[in-house]
Amino acid sequence: MSGIRAVYEAVARQFDRDRSKALMERHYLDALLSRLGGPRDILDLGCGSAEPIAKFFIDAGCRVTGVDAAAAMIAICRERYPDGDWIVADMRGLDLGRRFDAIIAWDSFFHLDPEEQRAMFPVFARHAAPGALLLFTAGPRAGVAMGEIYGHALYHASLDSAEYENLLAEEGFRVLMHRIEDPDCGGHTVWLAQRPAEG
């Protein structure tokens, strides 16, 4: 993860400039927002520069807490939304002492190695309020894939679908939606799950 952090520290401004703001993710963000039933508390893990995903929820009236390991990314968030709750932190082992109505780890969680990904499910659960939704992207199958961004190598990994389902179930999450390499969302593999409400 330290290598990933260093990459995003180095390329934060370029990444923000070039990151598509066209909201190809809108289908999934709308699905999450509609299930929330109105403005709620959102935890965005690996929030990057806040656009477009955190912005989508802020514009919808939600209270967003953004977490990113790269201080350069959080600096951009604070420039854009100075009243926001932006935290420089590693998502691994995170404990904010708060629970949220939705947790998002879009294009961030998959930078962790397989063991680190397994260890994230208790972290998700620790921050999930009763009835909370969890939206994350992963790979389409188990394995490691190396990418590249502005000349820097970029690590990605994934577990297989059955293991993700088991890890979610162990923490009380029920899968609501699972799309593999969605052609309408840039080929993303997307998971949307929910913890049961109390009572």
N, C-alpha and C. Protein backbone atom coordinates (compact mmCIF):
# COMPACT_ATOMS: atom_id res chain seq x y z
N MET A 1 0.82 -1.21 0.00
CA MET A 1 0.00 0.00 0.00
C MET A 1 0.86 1.26 0.00
N SER A 2 2.05 1.20 0.64
CA SER A 2 2.91 2.38 0.65
C SER A 2 3.31 2.76 -0.77
N GLY A 3 3.51 1.73 -1.64
CA GLY A 3 3.83 2.03 -3.02
C GLY A 3 2.68 2.70 -3.75
N ILE A 4 1.47 2.24 -3.49
CA ILE A 4 0.28 2.86 -4.09
C ILE A 4 0.14 4.29 -3.62
N ARG A 5 0.32 4.50 -2.32
CA ARG A 5 0.23 5.86 -1.77
C ARG A 5 1.24 6.78 -2.46
N ALA A 6 2.47 6.31 -2.63
CA ALA A 6 3.50 7.13 -3.25
C ALA A 6 3.14 7.49 -4.69
N VAL A 7 2.55 6.53 -5.40
CA VAL A 7 2.14 6.81 -6.78
C VAL A 7 1.11 7.93 -6.81
N TYR A 8 0.08 7.81 -5.98
CA TYR A 8 -0.98 8.82 -6.02
C TYR A 8 -0.53 10.16 -5.44
N GLU A 9 0.43 10.16 -4.52
CA GLU A 9 1.02 11.42 -4.07
C GLU A 9 1.69 12.12 -5.26
N ALA A 10 2.38 11.33 -6.08
CA ALA A 10 3.14 11.89 -7.19
C ALA A 10 2.26 12.39 -8.33
N VAL A 11 1.11 11.74 -8.54
CA VAL A 11 0.32 12.04 -9.74
C VAL A 11 -1.02 12.68 -9.43
N ALA A 12 -1.22 13.15 -8.21
CA ALA A 12 -2.55 13.61 -7.78
C ALA A 12 -3.15 14.65 -8.72
N ARG A 13 -2.39 15.66 -9.08
CA ARG A 13 -2.94 16.73 -9.92
C ARG A 13 -3.23 16.23 -11.34
N GLN A 14 -2.35 15.41 -11.88
CA GLN A 14 -2.61 14.84 -13.20
C GLN A 14 -3.84 13.93 -13.17
N PHE A 15 -3.90 13.09 -12.14
CA PHE A 15 -5.04 12.19 -12.01
C PHE A 15 -6.34 12.98 -11.93
N ASP A 16 -6.36 14.01 -11.12
CA ASP A 16 -7.57 14.81 -10.98
C ASP A 16 -7.94 15.48 -12.30
N ARG A 17 -6.95 15.96 -13.02
CA ARG A 17 -7.21 16.62 -14.31
C ARG A 17 -7.83 15.66 -15.30
N ASP A 18 -7.35 14.42 -15.32
CA ASP A 18 -7.74 13.48 -16.36
C ASP A 18 -8.86 12.52 -15.95
N ARG A 19 -9.15 12.42 -14.67
CA ARG A 19 -10.17 11.50 -14.19
C ARG A 19 -11.53 11.90 -14.77
N SER A 20 -12.19 10.98 -15.46
CA SER A 20 -13.46 11.29 -16.09
C SER A 20 -14.47 11.76 -15.05
N LYS A 21 -15.14 12.87 -15.36
CA LYS A 21 -16.20 13.39 -14.49
C LYS A 21 -17.58 13.08 -15.08
N ALA A 22 -17.61 12.19 -16.08
CA ALA A 22 -18.85 11.92 -16.81
C ALA A 22 -19.81 11.01 -16.06
N LEU A 23 -19.39 10.50 -14.91
CA LEU A 23 -20.24 9.67 -14.05
C LEU A 23 -20.77 8.42 -14.76
N MET A 24 -19.84 7.67 -15.34
CA MET A 24 -20.24 6.37 -15.87
C MET A 24 -20.75 5.47 -14.74
N GLU A 25 -20.41 5.84 -13.48
CA GLU A 25 -20.83 5.08 -12.31
C GLU A 25 -22.26 5.39 -11.87
N ARG A 26 -22.92 6.32 -12.55
CA ARG A 26 -24.19 6.86 -12.05
C ARG A 26 -25.23 5.78 -11.74
N HIS A 27 -25.31 4.75 -12.55
CA HIS A 27 -26.31 3.69 -12.31
C HIS A 27 -26.17 3.13 -10.90
N TYR A 28 -24.93 2.88 -10.49
CA TYR A 28 -24.70 2.29 -9.17
C TYR A 28 -24.85 3.32 -8.06
N LEU A 29 -24.43 4.53 -8.32
CA LEU A 29 -24.59 5.59 -7.32
C LEU A 29 -26.08 5.90 -7.11
N ASP A 30 -26.84 5.94 -8.20
CA ASP A 30 -28.29 6.15 -8.09
C ASP A 30 -28.95 5.00 -7.32
N ALA A 31 -28.50 3.77 -7.61
CA ALA A 31 -29.08 2.61 -6.93
C ALA A 31 -28.83 2.69 -5.43
N LEU A 32 -27.63 3.10 -5.05
CA LEU A 32 -27.31 3.24 -3.64
C LEU A 32 -28.13 4.36 -3.01
N LEU A 33 -28.17 5.50 -3.68
CA LEU A 33 -28.88 6.67 -3.12
C LEU A 33 -30.37 6.38 -2.97
N SER A 34 -30.96 5.70 -3.93
CA SER A 34 -32.39 5.41 -3.85
C SER A 34 -32.69 4.48 -2.67
N ARG A 35 -31.78 3.54 -2.41
CA ARG A 35 -31.98 2.65 -1.27
C ARG A 35 -31.78 3.35 0.06
N LEU A 36 -30.97 4.39 0.07
CA LEU A 36 -30.79 5.17 1.31
C LEU A 36 -32.06 5.95 1.66
N GLY A 37 -32.83 6.30 0.65
CA GLY A 37 -34.08 7.00 0.89
C GLY A 37 -33.93 8.47 1.22
N GLY A 38 -32.78 9.04 0.90
CA GLY A 38 -32.56 10.46 1.17
C GLY A 38 -31.14 10.71 1.63
N PRO A 39 -30.80 11.97 1.89
CA PRO A 39 -29.44 12.31 2.31
C PRO A 39 -29.04 11.61 3.60
N ARG A 40 -27.90 10.97 3.58
CA ARG A 40 -27.41 10.21 4.73
C ARG A 40 -25.90 10.39 4.87
N ASP A 41 -25.31 9.67 5.81
CA ASP A 41 -23.87 9.74 6.06
C ASP A 41 -23.14 8.70 5.22
N ILE A 42 -22.16 9.17 4.43
CA ILE A 42 -21.43 8.33 3.48
C ILE A 42 -19.95 8.31 3.88
N LEU A 43 -19.35 7.13 3.87
CA LEU A 43 -17.91 6.98 4.04
C LEU A 43 -17.33 6.57 2.69
N ASP A 44 -16.45 7.42 2.15
CA ASP A 44 -15.83 7.17 0.84
C ASP A 44 -14.37 6.80 1.08
N LEU A 45 -14.06 5.51 0.95
CA LEU A 45 -12.71 5.00 1.19
C LEU A 45 -11.90 5.02 -0.10
N GLY A 46 -10.81 5.75 -0.08
CA GLY A 46 -10.06 5.97 -1.31
C GLY A 46 -10.77 7.01 -2.16
N CYS A 47 -11.07 8.13 -1.51
CA CYS A 47 -11.94 9.15 -2.13
C CYS A 47 -11.25 9.92 -3.25
N GLY A 48 -9.93 9.78 -3.38
CA GLY A 48 -9.24 10.52 -4.43
C GLY A 48 -9.41 12.01 -4.24
N SER A 49 -9.74 12.71 -5.32
CA SER A 49 -9.86 14.17 -5.30
C SER A 49 -11.31 14.64 -5.14
N ALA A 50 -12.19 13.75 -4.73
CA ALA A 50 -13.61 14.04 -4.42
C ALA A 50 -14.51 14.11 -5.64
N GLU A 51 -13.95 14.11 -6.82
CA GLU A 51 -14.78 14.17 -8.02
C GLU A 51 -14.46 12.98 -8.92
N PRO A 52 -15.54 12.33 -9.41
CA PRO A 52 -16.93 12.76 -9.35
C PRO A 52 -17.78 12.13 -8.23
N ILE A 53 -17.27 11.11 -7.53
CA ILE A 53 -18.17 10.32 -6.69
C ILE A 53 -18.57 11.05 -5.42
N ALA A 54 -17.63 11.55 -4.65
CA ALA A 54 -18.00 12.29 -3.45
C ALA A 54 -18.87 13.48 -3.82
N LYS A 55 -18.53 14.15 -4.91
CA LYS A 55 -19.32 15.30 -5.37
C LYS A 55 -20.77 14.90 -5.63
N PHE A 56 -20.97 13.74 -6.25
CA PHE A 56 -22.33 13.27 -6.52
C PHE A 56 -23.15 13.22 -5.23
N PHE A 57 -22.56 12.66 -4.18
CA PHE A 57 -23.31 12.53 -2.93
C PHE A 57 -23.42 13.86 -2.19
N ILE A 58 -22.42 14.69 -2.26
CA ILE A 58 -22.51 16.02 -1.66
C ILE A 58 -23.62 16.82 -2.33
N ASP A 59 -23.67 16.76 -3.66
CA ASP A 59 -24.71 17.48 -4.40
C ASP A 59 -26.10 16.95 -4.06
N ALA A 60 -26.18 15.69 -3.65
CA ALA A 60 -27.47 15.09 -3.26
C ALA A 60 -27.83 15.39 -1.81
N GLY A 61 -26.97 16.15 -1.13
CA GLY A 61 -27.26 16.55 0.24
C GLY A 61 -26.71 15.62 1.30
N CYS A 62 -25.93 14.61 0.89
CA CYS A 62 -25.36 13.68 1.86
C CYS A 62 -24.17 14.31 2.59
N ARG A 63 -23.88 13.77 3.75
CA ARG A 63 -22.70 14.16 4.52
C ARG A 63 -21.62 13.13 4.22
N VAL A 64 -20.57 13.57 3.53
CA VAL A 64 -19.52 12.65 3.07
C VAL A 64 -18.27 12.79 3.93
N THR A 65 -17.77 11.67 4.41
CA THR A 65 -16.46 11.60 5.04
C THR A 65 -15.55 10.89 4.05
N GLY A 66 -14.52 11.58 3.59
CA GLY A 66 -13.61 11.01 2.61
C GLY A 66 -12.29 10.63 3.26
N VAL A 67 -11.82 9.44 2.94
CA VAL A 67 -10.56 8.93 3.46
C VAL A 67 -9.67 8.55 2.29
N ASP A 68 -8.42 9.02 2.33
CA ASP A 68 -7.46 8.63 1.31
C ASP A 68 -6.08 8.61 1.94
N ALA A 69 -5.26 7.65 1.53
CA ALA A 69 -3.91 7.55 2.08
C ALA A 69 -2.98 8.63 1.53
N ALA A 70 -3.34 9.20 0.38
CA ALA A 70 -2.48 10.20 -0.26
C ALA A 70 -2.88 11.60 0.20
N ALA A 71 -1.99 12.25 0.92
CA ALA A 71 -2.27 13.61 1.41
C ALA A 71 -2.52 14.58 0.27
N ALA A 72 -1.86 14.36 -0.88
CA ALA A 72 -2.05 15.25 -2.02
C ALA A 72 -3.47 15.18 -2.54
N MET A 73 -4.09 14.01 -2.48
CA MET A 73 -5.49 13.88 -2.89
C MET A 73 -6.41 14.59 -1.90
N ILE A 74 -6.16 14.39 -0.62
CA ILE A 74 -7.00 15.04 0.39
C ILE A 74 -6.86 16.56 0.31
N ALA A 75 -5.69 17.05 -0.05
CA ALA A 75 -5.51 18.50 -0.21
C ALA A 75 -6.44 19.05 -1.29
N ILE A 76 -6.62 18.30 -2.37
CA ILE A 76 -7.54 18.74 -3.43
C ILE A 76 -8.97 18.73 -2.91
N CYS A 77 -9.34 17.68 -2.18
CA CYS A 77 -10.68 17.62 -1.59
C CYS A 77 -10.94 18.85 -0.72
N ARG A 78 -9.98 19.21 0.10
CA ARG A 78 -10.16 20.34 1.02
C ARG A 78 -10.23 21.66 0.28
N GLU A 79 -9.54 21.77 -0.84
CA GLU A 79 -9.65 22.98 -1.67
C GLU A 79 -11.07 23.10 -2.23
N ARG A 80 -11.61 21.99 -2.68
CA ARG A 80 -12.94 22.01 -3.32
C ARG A 80 -14.07 22.15 -2.31
N TYR A 81 -13.94 21.44 -1.21
CA TYR A 81 -15.02 21.38 -0.22
C TYR A 81 -14.42 21.62 1.17
N PRO A 82 -14.08 22.87 1.46
CA PRO A 82 -13.37 23.17 2.71
C PRO A 82 -14.17 22.84 3.97
N ASP A 83 -15.47 22.72 3.85
CA ASP A 83 -16.28 22.37 5.02
C ASP A 83 -16.45 20.85 5.18
N GLY A 84 -15.86 20.08 4.27
CA GLY A 84 -16.02 18.64 4.31
C GLY A 84 -15.13 17.98 5.35
N ASP A 85 -15.39 16.71 5.55
CA ASP A 85 -14.64 15.90 6.51
C ASP A 85 -13.69 15.02 5.70
N TRP A 86 -12.45 15.48 5.53
CA TRP A 86 -11.47 14.81 4.69
C TRP A 86 -10.30 14.34 5.55
N ILE A 87 -10.00 13.05 5.49
CA ILE A 87 -9.06 12.44 6.42
C ILE A 87 -7.95 11.72 5.65
N VAL A 88 -6.70 12.05 5.99
CA VAL A 88 -5.56 11.31 5.46
C VAL A 88 -5.37 10.07 6.32
N ALA A 89 -5.64 8.90 5.77
CA ALA A 89 -5.52 7.66 6.53
C ALA A 89 -5.49 6.48 5.57
N ASP A 90 -4.90 5.40 6.05
CA ASP A 90 -4.87 4.13 5.35
C ASP A 90 -6.16 3.38 5.69
N MET A 91 -6.86 2.90 4.69
CA MET A 91 -8.12 2.20 4.97
C MET A 91 -7.91 0.90 5.75
N ARG A 92 -6.74 0.31 5.63
CA ARG A 92 -6.46 -0.94 6.34
C ARG A 92 -6.43 -0.67 7.85
N GLY A 93 -7.25 -1.37 8.58
CA GLY A 93 -7.29 -1.19 10.02
C GLY A 93 -7.96 0.09 10.48
N LEU A 94 -8.63 0.79 9.57
CA LEU A 94 -9.27 2.06 9.92
C LEU A 94 -10.30 1.87 11.03
N ASP A 95 -10.33 2.80 11.96
CA ASP A 95 -11.35 2.79 13.01
C ASP A 95 -11.67 4.23 13.38
N LEU A 96 -12.70 4.76 12.76
CA LEU A 96 -13.09 6.16 12.97
C LEU A 96 -13.99 6.33 14.18
N GLY A 97 -14.43 5.22 14.78
CA GLY A 97 -15.33 5.31 15.93
C GLY A 97 -16.71 5.81 15.57
N ARG A 98 -17.08 5.67 14.31
CA ARG A 98 -18.39 6.11 13.82
C ARG A 98 -18.94 5.07 12.86
N ARG A 99 -20.25 5.10 12.69
CA ARG A 99 -20.89 4.23 11.71
C ARG A 99 -21.59 5.09 10.66
N PHE A 100 -21.68 4.52 9.48
CA PHE A 100 -22.19 5.27 8.33
C PHE A 100 -23.33 4.50 7.67
N ASP A 101 -24.15 5.23 6.92
CA ASP A 101 -25.28 4.62 6.23
C ASP A 101 -24.87 3.96 4.92
N ALA A 102 -23.72 4.36 4.40
CA ALA A 102 -23.18 3.73 3.19
C ALA A 102 -21.67 3.87 3.19
N ILE A 103 -21.02 2.86 2.67
CA ILE A 103 -19.57 2.83 2.53
C ILE A 103 -19.24 2.55 1.08
N ILE A 104 -18.34 3.34 0.52
CA ILE A 104 -17.97 3.21 -0.89
C ILE A 104 -16.45 2.99 -0.97
N ALA A 105 -16.05 2.02 -1.76
CA ALA A 105 -14.63 1.81 -2.04
C ALA A 105 -14.50 1.56 -3.54
N TRP A 106 -14.65 2.63 -4.30
CA TRP A 106 -14.70 2.54 -5.76
C TRP A 106 -13.29 2.76 -6.31
N ASP A 107 -12.78 1.79 -7.04
CA ASP A 107 -11.44 1.86 -7.63
C ASP A 107 -10.36 2.17 -6.59
N SER A 108 -10.51 1.61 -5.40
CA SER A 108 -9.51 1.83 -4.35
C SER A 108 -9.17 0.52 -3.64
N PHE A 109 -10.18 -0.18 -3.19
CA PHE A 109 -10.03 -1.45 -2.49
C PHE A 109 -9.20 -2.45 -3.28
N PHE A 110 -9.30 -2.40 -4.61
CA PHE A 110 -8.61 -3.39 -5.44
C PHE A 110 -7.10 -3.14 -5.55
N HIS A 111 -6.60 -2.05 -4.94
CA HIS A 111 -5.16 -1.85 -4.86
C HIS A 111 -4.53 -2.63 -3.71
N LEU A 112 -5.33 -3.22 -2.84
CA LEU A 112 -4.83 -4.02 -1.73
C LEU A 112 -4.53 -5.44 -2.19
N ASP A 113 -3.56 -6.07 -1.52
CA ASP A 113 -3.28 -7.45 -1.90
C ASP A 113 -4.38 -8.36 -1.33
N PRO A 114 -4.43 -9.63 -1.74
CA PRO A 114 -5.54 -10.49 -1.32
C PRO A 114 -5.73 -10.58 0.19
N GLU A 115 -4.66 -10.73 0.95
CA GLU A 115 -4.81 -10.82 2.41
C GLU A 115 -5.33 -9.52 2.99
N GLU A 116 -4.88 -8.41 2.47
CA GLU A 116 -5.36 -7.11 2.94
C GLU A 116 -6.83 -6.92 2.60
N GLN A 117 -7.23 -7.42 1.44
CA GLN A 117 -8.65 -7.33 1.08
C GLN A 117 -9.50 -8.16 2.04
N ARG A 118 -9.06 -9.35 2.35
CA ARG A 118 -9.82 -10.18 3.30
C ARG A 118 -9.98 -9.46 4.64
N ALA A 119 -8.92 -8.79 5.06
CA ALA A 119 -8.95 -8.10 6.35
C ALA A 119 -9.80 -6.84 6.34
N MET A 120 -10.21 -6.38 5.15
CA MET A 120 -11.03 -5.18 5.07
C MET A 120 -12.48 -5.41 5.44
N PHE A 121 -12.96 -6.63 5.34
CA PHE A 121 -14.39 -6.84 5.57
C PHE A 121 -14.81 -6.56 7.02
N PRO A 122 -14.00 -6.89 8.02
CA PRO A 122 -14.32 -6.42 9.37
C PRO A 122 -14.24 -4.89 9.50
N VAL A 123 -13.38 -4.26 8.72
CA VAL A 123 -13.31 -2.79 8.73
C VAL A 123 -14.61 -2.21 8.17
N PHE A 124 -15.06 -2.76 7.05
CA PHE A 124 -16.35 -2.33 6.51
C PHE A 124 -17.45 -2.49 7.57
N ALA A 125 -17.49 -3.65 8.18
CA ALA A 125 -18.55 -3.93 9.16
C ALA A 125 -18.48 -2.99 10.35
N ARG A 126 -17.27 -2.66 10.80
CA ARG A 126 -17.09 -1.79 11.95
C ARG A 126 -17.67 -0.39 11.70
N HIS A 127 -17.69 0.01 10.44
CA HIS A 127 -18.16 1.36 10.10
C HIS A 127 -19.58 1.36 9.53
N ALA A 128 -20.23 0.20 9.52
CA ALA A 128 -21.56 0.08 8.90
C ALA A 128 -22.66 0.17 9.94
N ALA A 129 -23.53 1.15 9.78
CA ALA A 129 -24.71 1.27 10.63
C ALA A 129 -25.70 0.17 10.26
N PRO A 130 -26.69 -0.10 11.11
CA PRO A 130 -27.74 -1.05 10.73
C PRO A 130 -28.38 -0.65 9.40
N GLY A 131 -28.49 -1.60 8.50
CA GLY A 131 -29.06 -1.32 7.19
C GLY A 131 -28.10 -0.67 6.21
N ALA A 132 -26.83 -0.52 6.59
CA ALA A 132 -25.87 0.19 5.74
C ALA A 132 -25.62 -0.55 4.43
N LEU A 133 -25.32 0.24 3.41
CA LEU A 133 -24.99 -0.28 2.09
C LEU A 133 -23.48 -0.22 1.89
N LEU A 134 -22.95 -1.18 1.13
CA LEU A 134 -21.53 -1.24 0.80
C LEU A 134 -21.41 -1.38 -0.71
N LEU A 135 -20.69 -0.45 -1.33
CA LEU A 135 -20.49 -0.45 -2.77
C LEU A 135 -18.98 -0.47 -3.04
N PHE A 136 -18.52 -1.50 -3.75
CA PHE A 136 -17.09 -1.53 -4.06
C PHE A 136 -16.86 -2.17 -5.43
N THR A 137 -15.68 -1.90 -5.98
CA THR A 137 -15.27 -2.51 -7.23
C THR A 137 -14.13 -3.48 -6.96
N ALA A 138 -14.08 -4.54 -7.73
CA ALA A 138 -13.04 -5.56 -7.61
C ALA A 138 -12.70 -6.02 -9.02
N GLY A 139 -11.86 -7.05 -9.09
CA GLY A 139 -11.56 -7.62 -10.39
C GLY A 139 -12.61 -8.65 -10.78
N PRO A 140 -12.62 -9.09 -12.02
CA PRO A 140 -13.62 -10.06 -12.48
C PRO A 140 -13.31 -11.49 -12.04
N ARG A 141 -12.08 -11.73 -11.61
CA ARG A 141 -11.66 -13.09 -11.21
C ARG A 141 -10.45 -12.96 -10.30
N ALA A 142 -10.12 -14.05 -9.60
CA ALA A 142 -8.98 -14.03 -8.69
C ALA A 142 -7.68 -13.84 -9.47
N GLY A 143 -6.80 -13.02 -8.89
CA GLY A 143 -5.50 -12.83 -9.52
C GLY A 143 -4.96 -11.44 -9.29
N VAL A 144 -3.77 -11.22 -9.80
CA VAL A 144 -3.08 -9.93 -9.70
C VAL A 144 -2.92 -9.38 -11.10
N ALA A 145 -3.13 -8.08 -11.24
CA ALA A 145 -2.93 -7.42 -12.53
C ALA A 145 -2.14 -6.14 -12.29
N MET A 146 -1.14 -5.92 -13.09
CA MET A 146 -0.37 -4.69 -12.98
C MET A 146 -0.83 -3.71 -14.05
N GLY A 147 -1.10 -2.51 -13.61
CA GLY A 147 -1.46 -1.44 -14.53
C GLY A 147 -0.36 -0.39 -14.56
N GLU A 148 -0.69 0.75 -15.15
CA GLU A 148 0.28 1.84 -15.28
C GLU A 148 -0.46 3.15 -15.26
N ILE A 149 0.12 4.14 -14.58
CA ILE A 149 -0.47 5.48 -14.56
C ILE A 149 0.66 6.50 -14.59
N TYR A 150 0.69 7.27 -15.66
CA TYR A 150 1.70 8.32 -15.84
C TYR A 150 3.11 7.80 -15.60
N GLY A 151 3.38 6.61 -16.13
CA GLY A 151 4.71 6.03 -16.04
C GLY A 151 5.00 5.28 -14.77
N HIS A 152 4.03 5.22 -13.85
CA HIS A 152 4.21 4.49 -12.60
C HIS A 152 3.45 3.17 -12.66
N ALA A 153 4.07 2.09 -12.18
CA ALA A 153 3.38 0.81 -12.10
C ALA A 153 2.31 0.87 -11.02
N LEU A 154 1.18 0.23 -11.28
CA LEU A 154 0.04 0.29 -10.38
C LEU A 154 -0.50 -1.12 -10.15
N TYR A 155 -0.48 -1.54 -8.89
CA TYR A 155 -0.88 -2.90 -8.51
C TYR A 155 -2.39 -3.00 -8.32
N HIS A 156 -2.96 -4.10 -8.81
CA HIS A 156 -4.37 -4.43 -8.58
C HIS A 156 -4.46 -5.92 -8.26
N ALA A 157 -5.42 -6.27 -7.42
CA ALA A 157 -5.64 -7.69 -7.11
C ALA A 157 -7.12 -7.92 -6.89
N SER A 158 -7.49 -9.19 -7.00
CA SER A 158 -8.88 -9.55 -6.77
C SER A 158 -8.95 -10.96 -6.20
N LEU A 159 -9.96 -11.19 -5.40
CA LEU A 159 -10.36 -12.53 -5.00
C LEU A 159 -11.39 -13.03 -6.00
N ASP A 160 -11.82 -14.27 -5.87
CA ASP A 160 -12.88 -14.72 -6.76
C ASP A 160 -14.25 -14.37 -6.17
N SER A 161 -15.26 -14.45 -6.99
CA SER A 161 -16.59 -14.00 -6.58
C SER A 161 -17.12 -14.77 -5.38
N ALA A 162 -16.88 -16.08 -5.36
CA ALA A 162 -17.39 -16.89 -4.26
C ALA A 162 -16.77 -16.45 -2.93
N GLU A 163 -15.49 -16.12 -2.96
CA GLU A 163 -14.85 -15.69 -1.72
C GLU A 163 -15.39 -14.33 -1.27
N TYR A 164 -15.59 -13.42 -2.19
CA TYR A 164 -16.20 -12.14 -1.80
C TYR A 164 -17.57 -12.37 -1.17
N GLU A 165 -18.36 -13.24 -1.77
CA GLU A 165 -19.69 -13.53 -1.20
C GLU A 165 -19.57 -14.09 0.22
N ASN A 166 -18.62 -14.98 0.42
CA ASN A 166 -18.43 -15.56 1.76
C ASN A 166 -17.98 -14.51 2.77
N LEU A 167 -17.04 -13.65 2.36
CA LEU A 167 -16.55 -12.61 3.26
C LEU A 167 -17.65 -11.62 3.62
N LEU A 168 -18.46 -11.27 2.66
CA LEU A 168 -19.60 -10.40 2.93
C LEU A 168 -20.57 -11.06 3.91
N ALA A 169 -20.88 -12.31 3.65
CA ALA A 169 -21.83 -13.04 4.50
C ALA A 169 -21.32 -13.15 5.93
N GLU A 170 -20.03 -13.36 6.10
CA GLU A 170 -19.45 -13.49 7.43
C GLU A 170 -19.65 -12.22 8.26
N GLU A 171 -19.74 -11.09 7.59
CA GLU A 171 -19.93 -9.82 8.29
C GLU A 171 -21.39 -9.35 8.23
N GLY A 172 -22.27 -10.23 7.78
CA GLY A 172 -23.69 -9.91 7.80
C GLY A 172 -24.20 -9.13 6.61
N PHE A 173 -23.41 -9.04 5.55
CA PHE A 173 -23.85 -8.33 4.35
C PHE A 173 -24.53 -9.28 3.37
N ARG A 174 -25.61 -8.82 2.79
CA ARG A 174 -26.32 -9.57 1.75
C ARG A 174 -26.07 -8.91 0.41
N VAL A 175 -25.70 -9.67 -0.60
CA VAL A 175 -25.42 -9.11 -1.92
C VAL A 175 -26.73 -8.70 -2.59
N LEU A 176 -26.79 -7.45 -3.00
CA LEU A 176 -27.95 -6.93 -3.72
C LEU A 176 -27.72 -6.91 -5.23
N MET A 177 -26.46 -6.69 -5.61
CA MET A 177 -26.14 -6.54 -7.02
C MET A 177 -24.68 -6.92 -7.23
N HIS A 178 -24.42 -7.66 -8.30
CA HIS A 178 -23.06 -8.00 -8.67
C HIS A 178 -22.98 -8.02 -10.19
N ARG A 179 -22.20 -7.13 -10.74
CA ARG A 179 -22.04 -7.04 -12.19
C ARG A 179 -20.57 -7.26 -12.52
N ILE A 180 -20.31 -8.16 -13.45
CA ILE A 180 -18.94 -8.47 -13.85
C ILE A 180 -18.63 -7.76 -15.16
N GLU A 181 -17.59 -6.94 -15.14
CA GLU A 181 -17.12 -6.21 -16.33
C GLU A 181 -18.26 -5.53 -17.07
N ASP A 182 -18.98 -4.71 -16.35
CA ASP A 182 -20.14 -4.00 -16.90
C ASP A 182 -19.71 -3.12 -18.07
N PRO A 183 -20.17 -3.41 -19.30
CA PRO A 183 -19.74 -2.62 -20.46
C PRO A 183 -20.25 -1.19 -20.42
N ASP A 184 -21.30 -0.93 -19.65
CA ASP A 184 -21.84 0.43 -19.54
C ASP A 184 -21.16 1.22 -18.43
N CYS A 185 -20.18 0.59 -17.77
CA CYS A 185 -19.48 1.27 -16.69
C CYS A 185 -17.98 1.04 -16.82
N GLY A 186 -17.49 1.19 -18.03
CA GLY A 186 -16.05 1.10 -18.25
C GLY A 186 -15.45 -0.26 -17.95
N GLY A 187 -16.27 -1.31 -17.99
CA GLY A 187 -15.78 -2.64 -17.71
C GLY A 187 -15.57 -2.95 -16.24
N HIS A 188 -16.13 -2.12 -15.36
CA HIS A 188 -15.97 -2.35 -13.92
C HIS A 188 -16.74 -3.58 -13.46
N THR A 189 -16.16 -4.26 -12.48
CA THR A 189 -16.86 -5.32 -11.76
C THR A 189 -17.31 -4.73 -10.43
N VAL A 190 -18.61 -4.73 -10.20
CA VAL A 190 -19.20 -3.94 -9.12
C VAL A 190 -20.00 -4.83 -8.17
N TRP A 191 -19.86 -4.54 -6.90
CA TRP A 191 -20.63 -5.20 -5.83
C TRP A 191 -21.41 -4.16 -5.05
N LEU A 192 -22.67 -4.46 -4.80
CA LEU A 192 -23.49 -3.67 -3.89
C LEU A 192 -24.12 -4.64 -2.88
N ALA A 193 -23.88 -4.40 -1.60
CA ALA A 193 -24.37 -5.29 -0.55
C ALA A 193 -24.96 -4.45 0.58
N GLN A 194 -25.69 -5.12 1.46
CA GLN A 194 -26.35 -4.40 2.57
C GLN A 194 -26.36 -5.24 3.83
N ARG A 195 -26.13 -4.57 4.95
CA ARG A 195 -26.29 -5.22 6.26
C ARG A 195 -27.75 -5.13 6.66
N PRO A 196 -28.25 -6.07 7.45
CA PRO A 196 -29.64 -5.99 7.87
C PRO A 196 -29.87 -4.85 8.84
N ALA A 197 -31.06 -4.30 8.80
CA ALA A 197 -31.45 -3.31 9.80
C ALA A 197 -31.72 -4.00 11.11
N GLU A 198 -31.52 -3.32 12.20
CA GLU A 198 -31.80 -3.90 13.51
C GLU A 198 -33.31 -4.05 13.69
N GLY A 199 -33.66 -5.00 14.55
CA GLY A 199 -35.09 -5.21 14.83
C GLY A 199 -35.67 -6.02 13.76
